[in-house]
Amino acid sequence: MKIVVTGSLGNISQPLTKQLVDNGHSVVVVSRNPERQAAIEALGAIPAIGSMEDVEILTKTFTGADAVYVMQTLPEDGFFNPAIDIYETVRAL
């Protein structure tokens, strides 16, 4: 299967990517950080470098995928900052 994983190489997406690749799937990992390309390739996955806000990149990457795992992120202090409305922040991304 072709599976797209977002969330780059975070605490959930990295082990998920490794497990999927180890199980024989073709995995594409979306990351906005070009410096992570080599680490994505080292896992046996295909890097798709670009922003989750870039519709063109997402359309190209998601086309033909059998499954997509989407990890939505917040600013670095987003989960622990009581002044941030998580739902509004995600809608704004």
N, C-alpha and C. Protein backbone atom coordinates (compact mmCIF):
# COMPACT_ATOMS: atom_id res chain seq x y z
N MET A 1 0.84 -1.19 0.00
CA MET A 1 0.00 0.00 0.00
C MET A 1 0.87 1.25 0.00
N LYS A 2 0.37 2.30 -0.61
CA LYS A 2 1.02 3.61 -0.52
C LYS A 2 0.36 4.36 0.62
N ILE A 3 1.16 4.71 1.62
CA ILE A 3 0.64 5.38 2.80
C ILE A 3 1.41 6.70 2.99
N VAL A 4 0.68 7.77 3.20
CA VAL A 4 1.27 9.08 3.45
C VAL A 4 1.17 9.36 4.95
N VAL A 5 2.28 9.80 5.53
CA VAL A 5 2.33 10.13 6.95
C VAL A 5 2.75 11.58 7.10
N THR A 6 1.98 12.34 7.83
CA THR A 6 2.38 13.71 8.14
C THR A 6 2.88 13.72 9.59
N GLY A 7 3.45 14.84 9.99
CA GLY A 7 4.01 14.91 11.33
C GLY A 7 5.51 14.68 11.31
N SER A 8 6.06 14.57 10.11
CA SER A 8 7.49 14.43 9.88
C SER A 8 8.07 13.29 10.70
N LEU A 9 9.05 13.57 11.53
CA LEU A 9 9.72 12.53 12.31
C LEU A 9 9.47 12.72 13.81
N GLY A 10 8.24 13.04 14.15
CA GLY A 10 7.88 13.26 15.55
C GLY A 10 7.77 11.96 16.33
N ASN A 11 7.36 12.08 17.57
CA ASN A 11 7.29 10.94 18.49
C ASN A 11 6.30 9.87 18.07
N ILE A 12 5.33 10.21 17.26
CA ILE A 12 4.35 9.23 16.78
C ILE A 12 4.66 8.86 15.33
N SER A 13 4.89 9.85 14.50
CA SER A 13 5.06 9.59 13.07
C SER A 13 6.31 8.81 12.73
N GLN A 14 7.41 9.02 13.46
CA GLN A 14 8.64 8.29 13.15
C GLN A 14 8.50 6.79 13.41
N PRO A 15 8.05 6.36 14.61
CA PRO A 15 7.90 4.91 14.79
C PRO A 15 6.82 4.31 13.89
N LEU A 16 5.77 5.09 13.60
CA LEU A 16 4.74 4.62 12.68
C LEU A 16 5.34 4.38 11.30
N THR A 17 6.13 5.32 10.82
CA THR A 17 6.78 5.19 9.52
C THR A 17 7.67 3.97 9.48
N LYS A 18 8.48 3.78 10.51
CA LYS A 18 9.38 2.61 10.56
C LYS A 18 8.59 1.31 10.50
N GLN A 19 7.52 1.23 11.27
CA GLN A 19 6.71 0.01 11.29
C GLN A 19 6.07 -0.25 9.92
N LEU A 20 5.55 0.79 9.31
CA LEU A 20 4.91 0.63 8.00
C LEU A 20 5.92 0.19 6.94
N VAL A 21 7.10 0.81 6.94
CA VAL A 21 8.15 0.43 5.98
C VAL A 21 8.58 -1.02 6.24
N ASP A 22 8.77 -1.36 7.52
CA ASP A 22 9.17 -2.73 7.87
C ASP A 22 8.13 -3.77 7.43
N ASN A 23 6.88 -3.34 7.35
CA ASN A 23 5.80 -4.23 6.91
C ASN A 23 5.61 -4.22 5.40
N GLY A 24 6.52 -3.55 4.68
CA GLY A 24 6.51 -3.62 3.23
C GLY A 24 5.71 -2.55 2.50
N HIS A 25 5.24 -1.55 3.22
CA HIS A 25 4.45 -0.50 2.58
C HIS A 25 5.36 0.56 1.98
N SER A 26 4.87 1.23 0.96
CA SER A 26 5.52 2.40 0.38
C SER A 26 5.02 3.60 1.19
N VAL A 27 5.93 4.25 1.89
CA VAL A 27 5.53 5.33 2.80
C VAL A 27 6.13 6.65 2.34
N VAL A 28 5.29 7.66 2.26
CA VAL A 28 5.71 9.02 1.95
C VAL A 28 5.53 9.84 3.22
N VAL A 29 6.58 10.53 3.65
CA VAL A 29 6.53 11.34 4.86
C VAL A 29 6.58 12.81 4.47
N VAL A 30 5.59 13.56 4.92
CA VAL A 30 5.52 14.99 4.67
C VAL A 30 6.25 15.73 5.79
N SER A 31 7.19 16.57 5.42
CA SER A 31 7.93 17.38 6.39
C SER A 31 8.18 18.75 5.79
N ARG A 32 8.06 19.77 6.60
CA ARG A 32 8.35 21.11 6.10
C ARG A 32 9.84 21.44 6.19
N ASN A 33 10.59 20.56 6.85
CA ASN A 33 12.00 20.81 7.10
C ASN A 33 12.88 20.01 6.13
N PRO A 34 13.52 20.67 5.16
CA PRO A 34 14.35 19.95 4.20
C PRO A 34 15.54 19.23 4.85
N GLU A 35 15.93 19.64 6.03
CA GLU A 35 17.04 18.99 6.73
C GLU A 35 16.67 17.58 7.21
N ARG A 36 15.39 17.24 7.19
CA ARG A 36 14.96 15.91 7.62
C ARG A 36 14.89 14.90 6.46
N GLN A 37 15.17 15.37 5.26
CA GLN A 37 15.07 14.50 4.09
C GLN A 37 15.93 13.24 4.24
N ALA A 38 17.18 13.39 4.64
CA ALA A 38 18.08 12.24 4.76
C ALA A 38 17.59 11.26 5.83
N ALA A 39 17.08 11.77 6.94
CA ALA A 39 16.58 10.91 8.00
C ALA A 39 15.33 10.15 7.55
N ILE A 40 14.49 10.80 6.76
CA ILE A 40 13.30 10.13 6.22
C ILE A 40 13.73 9.02 5.27
N GLU A 41 14.67 9.31 4.41
CA GLU A 41 15.17 8.31 3.47
C GLU A 41 15.86 7.15 4.21
N ALA A 42 16.55 7.46 5.32
CA ALA A 42 17.22 6.41 6.10
C ALA A 42 16.22 5.42 6.69
N LEU A 43 14.99 5.86 6.91
CA LEU A 43 13.94 4.97 7.40
C LEU A 43 13.37 4.10 6.28
N GLY A 44 13.72 4.43 5.04
CA GLY A 44 13.19 3.71 3.89
C GLY A 44 11.94 4.33 3.32
N ALA A 45 11.65 5.56 3.75
CA ALA A 45 10.47 6.27 3.28
C ALA A 45 10.86 7.30 2.22
N ILE A 46 9.85 7.86 1.59
CA ILE A 46 10.03 8.87 0.55
C ILE A 46 9.68 10.23 1.15
N PRO A 47 10.59 11.18 1.12
CA PRO A 47 10.29 12.50 1.67
C PRO A 47 9.46 13.34 0.70
N ALA A 48 8.51 14.07 1.25
CA ALA A 48 7.75 15.08 0.52
C ALA A 48 7.93 16.37 1.32
N ILE A 49 8.82 17.21 0.86
CA ILE A 49 9.18 18.40 1.62
C ILE A 49 8.26 19.55 1.24
N GLY A 50 7.56 20.09 2.23
CA GLY A 50 6.66 21.20 2.00
C GLY A 50 5.75 21.42 3.19
N SER A 51 5.00 22.47 3.12
CA SER A 51 4.12 22.88 4.21
C SER A 51 2.77 22.19 4.13
N MET A 52 2.18 21.92 5.28
CA MET A 52 0.83 21.39 5.34
C MET A 52 -0.19 22.42 4.86
N GLU A 53 0.26 23.63 4.63
CA GLU A 53 -0.61 24.68 4.13
C GLU A 53 -0.53 24.81 2.61
N ASP A 54 0.34 24.03 1.99
CA ASP A 54 0.56 24.10 0.54
C ASP A 54 -0.34 23.07 -0.15
N VAL A 55 -1.44 23.54 -0.70
CA VAL A 55 -2.43 22.65 -1.31
C VAL A 55 -1.83 21.88 -2.48
N GLU A 56 -0.97 22.50 -3.26
CA GLU A 56 -0.36 21.83 -4.41
C GLU A 56 0.48 20.62 -3.97
N ILE A 57 1.30 20.81 -2.97
CA ILE A 57 2.14 19.71 -2.47
C ILE A 57 1.27 18.61 -1.88
N LEU A 58 0.27 18.98 -1.09
CA LEU A 58 -0.60 17.98 -0.48
C LEU A 58 -1.38 17.21 -1.54
N THR A 59 -1.88 17.90 -2.55
CA THR A 59 -2.63 17.23 -3.61
C THR A 59 -1.74 16.23 -4.34
N LYS A 60 -0.54 16.66 -4.68
CA LYS A 60 0.41 15.78 -5.37
C LYS A 60 0.77 14.58 -4.49
N THR A 61 1.00 14.83 -3.21
CA THR A 61 1.43 13.77 -2.30
C THR A 61 0.31 12.80 -1.98
N PHE A 62 -0.91 13.31 -1.78
CA PHE A 62 -2.02 12.45 -1.39
C PHE A 62 -2.63 11.69 -2.57
N THR A 63 -2.42 12.18 -3.79
CA THR A 63 -2.99 11.51 -4.97
C THR A 63 -2.43 10.10 -5.09
N GLY A 64 -3.32 9.14 -5.20
CA GLY A 64 -2.92 7.74 -5.34
C GLY A 64 -2.63 7.03 -4.04
N ALA A 65 -2.73 7.73 -2.93
CA ALA A 65 -2.46 7.09 -1.64
C ALA A 65 -3.62 6.17 -1.26
N ASP A 66 -3.28 5.05 -0.67
CA ASP A 66 -4.29 4.13 -0.15
C ASP A 66 -4.76 4.56 1.24
N ALA A 67 -3.88 5.23 1.97
CA ALA A 67 -4.22 5.71 3.32
C ALA A 67 -3.36 6.93 3.62
N VAL A 68 -3.90 7.82 4.46
CA VAL A 68 -3.18 9.01 4.89
C VAL A 68 -3.35 9.15 6.40
N TYR A 69 -2.22 9.27 7.10
CA TYR A 69 -2.24 9.54 8.53
C TYR A 69 -1.87 11.00 8.70
N VAL A 70 -2.76 11.78 9.27
CA VAL A 70 -2.54 13.22 9.40
C VAL A 70 -2.36 13.59 10.86
N MET A 71 -1.16 14.10 11.16
CA MET A 71 -0.85 14.58 12.50
C MET A 71 -0.84 16.11 12.42
N GLN A 72 -1.80 16.74 13.07
CA GLN A 72 -1.86 18.21 13.09
C GLN A 72 -1.03 18.70 14.25
N THR A 73 -0.21 19.69 14.02
CA THR A 73 0.65 20.22 15.07
C THR A 73 0.23 21.63 15.45
N LEU A 74 0.73 22.05 16.59
CA LEU A 74 0.52 23.40 17.09
C LEU A 74 1.87 24.06 17.29
N PRO A 75 1.85 25.36 17.57
CA PRO A 75 3.12 26.02 17.90
C PRO A 75 3.78 25.29 19.07
N GLU A 76 5.07 25.48 19.22
CA GLU A 76 5.86 24.73 20.21
C GLU A 76 5.24 24.72 21.60
N ASP A 77 4.72 25.83 22.06
CA ASP A 77 4.15 25.87 23.41
C ASP A 77 2.63 25.72 23.40
N GLY A 78 2.06 25.32 22.29
CA GLY A 78 0.62 25.31 22.11
C GLY A 78 -0.17 24.45 23.07
N PHE A 79 0.32 23.26 23.38
CA PHE A 79 -0.45 22.35 24.22
C PHE A 79 -0.43 22.73 25.69
N PHE A 80 0.57 23.48 26.09
CA PHE A 80 0.73 23.79 27.51
C PHE A 80 0.49 25.26 27.83
N ASN A 81 0.06 26.03 26.86
CA ASN A 81 -0.21 27.44 27.06
C ASN A 81 -1.72 27.64 27.20
N PRO A 82 -2.20 27.96 28.42
CA PRO A 82 -3.64 28.08 28.62
C PRO A 82 -4.27 29.25 27.85
N ALA A 83 -3.46 30.16 27.33
CA ALA A 83 -3.99 31.29 26.58
C ALA A 83 -4.31 30.92 25.14
N ILE A 84 -3.86 29.76 24.68
CA ILE A 84 -4.09 29.35 23.30
C ILE A 84 -5.34 28.49 23.21
N ASP A 85 -6.24 28.89 22.31
CA ASP A 85 -7.44 28.10 22.02
C ASP A 85 -7.03 27.07 20.96
N ILE A 86 -6.87 25.82 21.36
CA ILE A 86 -6.37 24.79 20.46
C ILE A 86 -7.22 24.67 19.20
N TYR A 87 -8.52 24.67 19.35
CA TYR A 87 -9.39 24.49 18.19
C TYR A 87 -9.27 25.65 17.21
N GLU A 88 -9.22 26.85 17.73
CA GLU A 88 -9.09 28.03 16.85
C GLU A 88 -7.71 28.04 16.17
N THR A 89 -6.69 27.65 16.90
CA THR A 89 -5.35 27.62 16.32
C THR A 89 -5.27 26.62 15.18
N VAL A 90 -5.84 25.44 15.34
CA VAL A 90 -5.84 24.43 14.29
C VAL A 90 -6.64 24.91 13.08
N ARG A 91 -7.78 25.54 13.33
CA ARG A 91 -8.57 26.07 12.21
C ARG A 91 -7.81 27.11 11.41
N ALA A 92 -6.97 27.89 12.10
CA ALA A 92 -6.22 28.96 11.46
C ALA A 92 -5.03 28.44 10.65
N LEU A 93 -4.58 27.22 10.92
CA LEU A 93 -3.40 26.69 10.22
C LEU A 93 -3.72 26.33 8.83
